[in-house]
Amino acid sequence: MMKSFIALIISIIFVHMIYIGYVRPEANAFIEAAQEQGLTSPREVVVILKDYEQEICFILMLWGCFLISTNYRKILKTKYLFSVDLLEHEDQDNFDVDSIIERLDKQIPEDCMSSPLVQTLRSSLWRYTSTKNVQNLSDAIDSNLESLAVRQDSENTMIRYLIWAIPSIGFIGTVRGIGQALSQADQALAGDIAGMTDSLGVAFNSTLVALLISIFLMFLFHQLQRLQDSQILDTQEYCEKYLLSRIK
């Protein structure tokens, strides 16, 4: 939680520095040059990105990328465990569960102890030592996989909120721009439509940027969900291959 909050603060500072140092000065220069020539605001990238709604969208995009990349790293860091036989035992005819649990606690690296695979193996083996029942072992594996899916879904809550919030902020910019345009209707009727067109530009630019950012984050999020689903399936296959088959 603290890392997430620090990442949000860094995103705010980083994006705001870019905006006050480059985006807004360049956009103002383009707009002033167009006004001197009696033209409307040009469709330059910095002009499209100059408003506050776009700045907030980029801040949330960087924060969302951090949250997604954190979950990516958590999954990929322990993916190699699926290619290792953690339950390898010298005497294959006598599967000593207690020694397997003790070896898991001692030999697994500390940063991998919280991985879903190791947690599922330890929990299932502890259940088997108390009941000596293969069906209870299988039920323990299923319940651990279900809790893993629920935990992953709850961890993705903030990412889903950001993907929903970014287009909403774009629509706020749309409402603000249309409101400004309507307030300048009398000037447009008098023949000066520059103010109205600039306000409408604010309205449509904010929505455009917000939707593009939302599409990008949605793609990353779907890739994350694919990895998470793959992790659950790999854990189930690993338990069936290395644990259930040996105990049966």
Protein backbone atom coordinates (compact mmCIF):
# COMPACT_ATOMS: atom_id res chain seq x y z
CA MET A 1 0.00 0.00 0.00
CA MET A 2 2.83 2.39 0.83
CA LYS A 3 4.61 1.57 -2.43
CA SER A 4 1.41 2.23 -4.34
CA PHE A 5 0.96 5.61 -2.63
CA ILE A 6 4.58 6.58 -3.34
CA ALA A 7 4.13 5.55 -6.99
CA LEU A 8 1.07 7.82 -7.21
CA ILE A 9 3.01 10.78 -5.78
CA ILE A 10 5.90 10.18 -8.20
CA SER A 11 3.44 9.98 -11.12
CA ILE A 12 1.86 13.30 -10.11
CA ILE A 13 5.23 15.05 -9.84
CA PHE A 14 6.63 13.55 -13.05
CA VAL A 15 3.61 14.34 -15.24
CA HIS A 16 3.11 17.80 -13.76
CA MET A 17 6.76 18.72 -14.36
CA ILE A 18 6.44 17.69 -18.02
CA TYR A 19 3.28 19.73 -18.39
CA ILE A 20 4.57 22.94 -16.81
CA GLY A 21 7.99 22.57 -18.43
CA TYR A 22 7.07 21.61 -21.98
CA VAL A 23 3.45 20.81 -22.89
CA ARG A 24 1.65 23.98 -21.78
CA PRO A 25 4.37 26.47 -22.86
CA GLU A 26 4.54 24.86 -26.32
CA ALA A 27 0.74 24.72 -26.60
CA ASN A 28 0.40 28.38 -25.62
CA ALA A 29 3.01 29.34 -28.20
CA PHE A 30 1.09 27.51 -30.96
CA ILE A 31 -2.22 29.06 -29.88
CA GLU A 32 -0.79 32.59 -29.72
CA ALA A 33 0.78 32.22 -33.16
CA ALA A 34 -2.55 31.03 -34.58
CA GLN A 35 -4.44 33.91 -32.96
CA GLU A 36 -2.04 36.46 -34.41
CA GLN A 37 -2.81 35.10 -37.87
CA GLY A 38 -6.55 35.02 -37.17
CA LEU A 39 -6.71 31.22 -37.24
CA THR A 40 -8.20 28.68 -34.86
CA SER A 41 -6.02 26.61 -32.54
CA PRO A 42 -3.87 24.12 -34.49
CA ARG A 43 -4.25 20.36 -34.05
CA GLU A 44 -0.78 19.86 -32.62
CA VAL A 45 -0.18 17.09 -30.08
CA VAL A 46 0.76 19.52 -27.30
CA VAL A 47 -2.43 21.51 -27.95
CA ILE A 48 -4.53 18.35 -27.67
CA LEU A 49 -2.80 17.37 -24.39
CA LYS A 50 -2.62 20.77 -22.69
CA ASP A 51 -5.75 20.67 -20.49
CA TYR A 52 -6.02 19.52 -16.88
CA GLU A 53 -8.21 16.52 -17.66
CA GLN A 54 -5.55 15.07 -19.94
CA GLU A 55 -2.90 15.65 -17.29
CA ILE A 56 -4.95 13.76 -14.71
CA CYS A 57 -5.52 10.93 -17.19
CA PHE A 58 -1.78 10.54 -17.76
CA ILE A 59 -1.14 10.54 -14.01
CA LEU A 60 -3.66 7.75 -13.54
CA MET A 61 -2.23 5.89 -16.54
CA LEU A 62 1.26 5.82 -15.01
CA TRP A 63 -0.16 4.73 -11.68
CA GLY A 64 -2.20 2.00 -13.34
CA CYS A 65 0.88 0.81 -15.25
CA PHE A 66 2.74 0.56 -11.95
CA LEU A 67 -0.03 -1.53 -10.36
CA ILE A 68 -0.24 -3.83 -13.38
CA SER A 69 3.55 -4.23 -13.66
CA THR A 70 3.73 -5.08 -9.94
CA ASN A 71 1.32 -7.96 -10.47
CA TYR A 72 3.21 -9.00 -13.62
CA ARG A 73 6.46 -9.14 -11.66
CA LYS A 74 4.86 -11.09 -8.81
CA ILE A 75 3.70 -13.80 -11.22
CA LEU A 76 6.78 -13.98 -13.44
CA LYS A 77 9.20 -14.02 -10.48
CA THR A 78 7.96 -17.42 -9.33
CA LYS A 79 7.02 -18.92 -12.70
CA TYR A 80 10.21 -21.03 -12.76
CA LEU A 81 8.88 -23.07 -9.80
CA PHE A 82 6.49 -24.88 -12.14
CA SER A 83 9.47 -26.47 -13.91
CA VAL A 84 11.02 -27.74 -10.65
CA ASP A 85 9.96 -30.87 -8.77
CA LEU A 86 9.58 -29.43 -5.28
CA LEU A 87 8.26 -32.75 -3.93
CA GLU A 88 11.14 -34.90 -5.14
CA HIS A 89 11.80 -37.64 -2.61
CA GLU A 90 14.56 -40.24 -2.36
CA ASP A 91 12.22 -43.09 -1.41
CA GLN A 92 9.44 -42.95 -3.99
CA ASP A 93 7.62 -45.92 -2.40
CA ASN A 94 7.42 -44.19 0.98
CA PHE A 95 6.17 -40.63 0.46
CA ASP A 96 7.10 -38.97 3.76
CA VAL A 97 4.85 -35.92 3.92
CA ASP A 98 6.42 -34.47 7.07
CA SER A 99 9.90 -34.45 5.57
CA ILE A 100 8.53 -32.88 2.38
CA ILE A 101 6.93 -30.04 4.38
CA GLU A 102 10.12 -29.51 6.37
CA ARG A 103 12.18 -29.38 3.17
CA LEU A 104 9.79 -26.89 1.61
CA ASP A 105 10.14 -24.60 4.64
CA LYS A 106 13.94 -24.77 4.58
CA GLN A 107 14.92 -24.91 0.92
CA ILE A 108 12.41 -22.65 -0.79
CA PRO A 109 13.76 -19.08 -1.11
CA GLU A 110 12.10 -16.59 1.23
CA ASP A 111 10.69 -14.46 -1.58
CA CYS A 112 8.99 -17.55 -3.08
CA MET A 113 7.29 -18.77 0.09
CA SER A 114 4.29 -16.54 -0.59
CA SER A 115 3.84 -17.87 -4.13
CA PRO A 116 0.47 -19.56 -4.78
CA LEU A 117 2.15 -22.83 -5.73
CA VAL A 118 4.13 -23.18 -2.50
CA GLN A 119 1.20 -22.03 -0.38
CA THR A 120 -1.10 -24.55 -2.06
CA LEU A 121 1.39 -27.38 -1.61
CA ARG A 122 2.02 -26.60 2.07
CA SER A 123 -1.66 -26.21 2.89
CA SER A 124 -2.62 -29.40 1.07
CA LEU A 125 0.16 -31.42 2.66
CA TRP A 126 -0.74 -30.18 6.12
CA ARG A 127 -4.35 -31.24 5.49
CA TYR A 128 -3.17 -34.68 4.37
CA THR A 129 -0.96 -35.20 7.45
CA SER A 130 -3.96 -34.66 9.73
CA THR A 131 -6.48 -36.78 7.79
CA LYS A 132 -4.46 -39.22 5.66
CA ASN A 133 -7.26 -38.92 3.14
CA VAL A 134 -6.60 -38.30 -0.54
CA GLN A 135 -10.05 -36.79 -1.05
CA ASN A 136 -9.37 -34.20 1.65
CA LEU A 137 -6.08 -33.46 -0.06
CA SER A 138 -7.85 -32.89 -3.37
CA ASP A 139 -10.46 -30.68 -1.68
CA ALA A 140 -7.69 -28.64 -0.07
CA ILE A 141 -6.11 -28.04 -3.47
CA ASP A 142 -9.44 -26.92 -4.94
CA SER A 143 -10.20 -24.59 -2.02
CA ASN A 144 -6.73 -23.02 -2.26
CA LEU A 145 -7.16 -22.43 -5.99
CA GLU A 146 -10.56 -20.83 -5.37
CA SER A 147 -9.13 -18.53 -2.69
CA LEU A 148 -6.29 -17.64 -5.07
CA ALA A 149 -8.78 -16.60 -7.73
CA VAL A 150 -10.71 -14.49 -5.21
CA ARG A 151 -7.52 -12.84 -3.94
CA GLN A 152 -6.37 -12.00 -7.46
CA ASP A 153 -9.77 -10.53 -8.26
CA SER A 154 -9.67 -8.32 -5.16
CA GLU A 155 -6.12 -7.15 -5.98
CA ASN A 156 -7.34 -6.03 -9.40
CA THR A 157 -10.09 -3.82 -7.95
CA MET A 158 -8.06 -0.60 -8.08
CA ILE A 159 -6.93 -1.32 -11.66
CA ARG A 160 -10.56 -1.77 -12.73
CA TYR A 161 -11.46 1.49 -10.99
CA LEU A 162 -8.72 3.38 -12.86
CA ILE A 163 -9.83 1.93 -16.21
CA TRP A 164 -13.35 3.15 -15.41
CA ALA A 165 -12.25 6.52 -13.96
CA ILE A 166 -10.06 7.65 -16.87
CA PRO A 167 -12.89 7.83 -19.47
CA SER A 168 -15.07 9.49 -16.82
CA ILE A 169 -12.48 12.23 -16.36
CA GLY A 170 -12.43 12.66 -20.13
CA PHE A 171 -16.21 13.12 -20.11
CA ILE A 172 -15.82 15.73 -17.38
CA GLY A 173 -13.56 17.65 -19.74
CA THR A 174 -16.20 17.27 -22.43
CA VAL A 175 -18.88 18.75 -20.19
CA ARG A 176 -16.57 21.61 -19.16
CA GLY A 177 -15.67 22.41 -22.77
CA ILE A 178 -19.28 22.34 -23.95
CA GLY A 179 -20.28 24.58 -21.03
CA GLN A 180 -17.60 27.10 -21.99
CA ALA A 181 -18.71 26.94 -25.62
CA LEU A 182 -22.33 27.64 -24.72
CA SER A 183 -21.31 30.58 -22.56
CA GLN A 184 -19.69 32.13 -25.66
CA ALA A 185 -22.70 31.64 -27.93
CA ASP A 186 -23.42 35.37 -28.03
CA GLN A 187 -19.89 36.04 -29.35
CA ALA A 188 -20.39 33.36 -32.02
CA LEU A 189 -23.66 34.98 -33.09
CA ALA A 190 -21.76 38.25 -33.38
CA GLY A 191 -19.34 36.59 -35.79
CA ASP A 192 -16.43 35.69 -33.45
CA ILE A 193 -16.40 31.89 -33.32
CA ALA A 194 -12.78 31.48 -32.18
CA GLY A 195 -13.68 31.20 -28.50
CA MET A 196 -16.42 28.65 -29.14
CA THR A 197 -14.21 26.47 -31.34
CA ASP A 198 -11.43 26.50 -28.73
CA SER A 199 -13.89 25.43 -26.03
CA LEU A 200 -15.23 22.65 -28.23
CA GLY A 201 -11.64 21.59 -28.83
CA VAL A 202 -11.23 21.20 -25.05
CA ALA A 203 -14.38 19.06 -24.99
CA PHE A 204 -13.37 16.63 -27.71
CA ASN A 205 -9.63 16.50 -26.95
CA SER A 206 -10.16 15.35 -23.36
CA THR A 207 -12.47 12.54 -24.45
CA LEU A 208 -10.10 11.46 -27.23
CA VAL A 209 -7.08 11.24 -24.93
CA ALA A 210 -9.01 9.53 -22.13
CA LEU A 211 -10.42 6.84 -24.43
CA LEU A 212 -7.01 6.10 -25.97
CA ILE A 213 -5.42 5.75 -22.53
CA SER A 214 -8.29 3.54 -21.38
CA ILE A 215 -7.83 1.24 -24.39
CA PHE A 216 -4.10 0.95 -23.63
CA LEU A 217 -4.67 0.14 -19.95
CA MET A 218 -7.41 -2.34 -20.82
CA PHE A 219 -5.00 -4.22 -23.08
CA LEU A 220 -2.40 -4.45 -20.29
CA PHE A 221 -5.06 -5.52 -17.82
CA HIS A 222 -6.34 -8.31 -20.06
CA GLN A 223 -2.78 -9.58 -20.45
CA LEU A 224 -2.46 -9.58 -16.66
CA GLN A 225 -5.71 -11.53 -16.30
CA ARG A 226 -4.44 -14.04 -18.85
CA LEU A 227 -1.29 -14.55 -16.77
CA GLN A 228 -3.31 -14.92 -13.58
CA ASP A 229 -5.61 -17.51 -15.12
CA SER A 230 -2.58 -19.35 -16.46
CA GLN A 231 -1.04 -19.34 -12.99
CA ILE A 232 -4.13 -21.00 -11.50
CA LEU A 233 -4.21 -23.66 -14.22
CA ASP A 234 -0.47 -24.32 -13.89
CA THR A 235 -0.84 -24.71 -10.12
CA GLN A 236 -3.64 -27.21 -10.57
CA GLU A 237 -1.71 -29.22 -13.17
CA TYR A 238 1.42 -29.18 -10.98
CA CYS A 239 -0.47 -30.53 -7.98
CA GLU A 240 -2.04 -33.29 -10.05
CA LYS A 241 1.28 -34.26 -11.62
CA TYR A 242 3.65 -34.11 -8.65
CA LEU A 243 1.42 -34.48 -5.60
CA LEU A 244 -1.83 -36.36 -6.23
CA SER A 245 -0.30 -38.96 -8.55
CA ARG A 246 2.39 -39.85 -6.00
CA ILE A 247 0.09 -40.10 -3.00
CA LYS A 248 -2.47 -42.14 -4.90
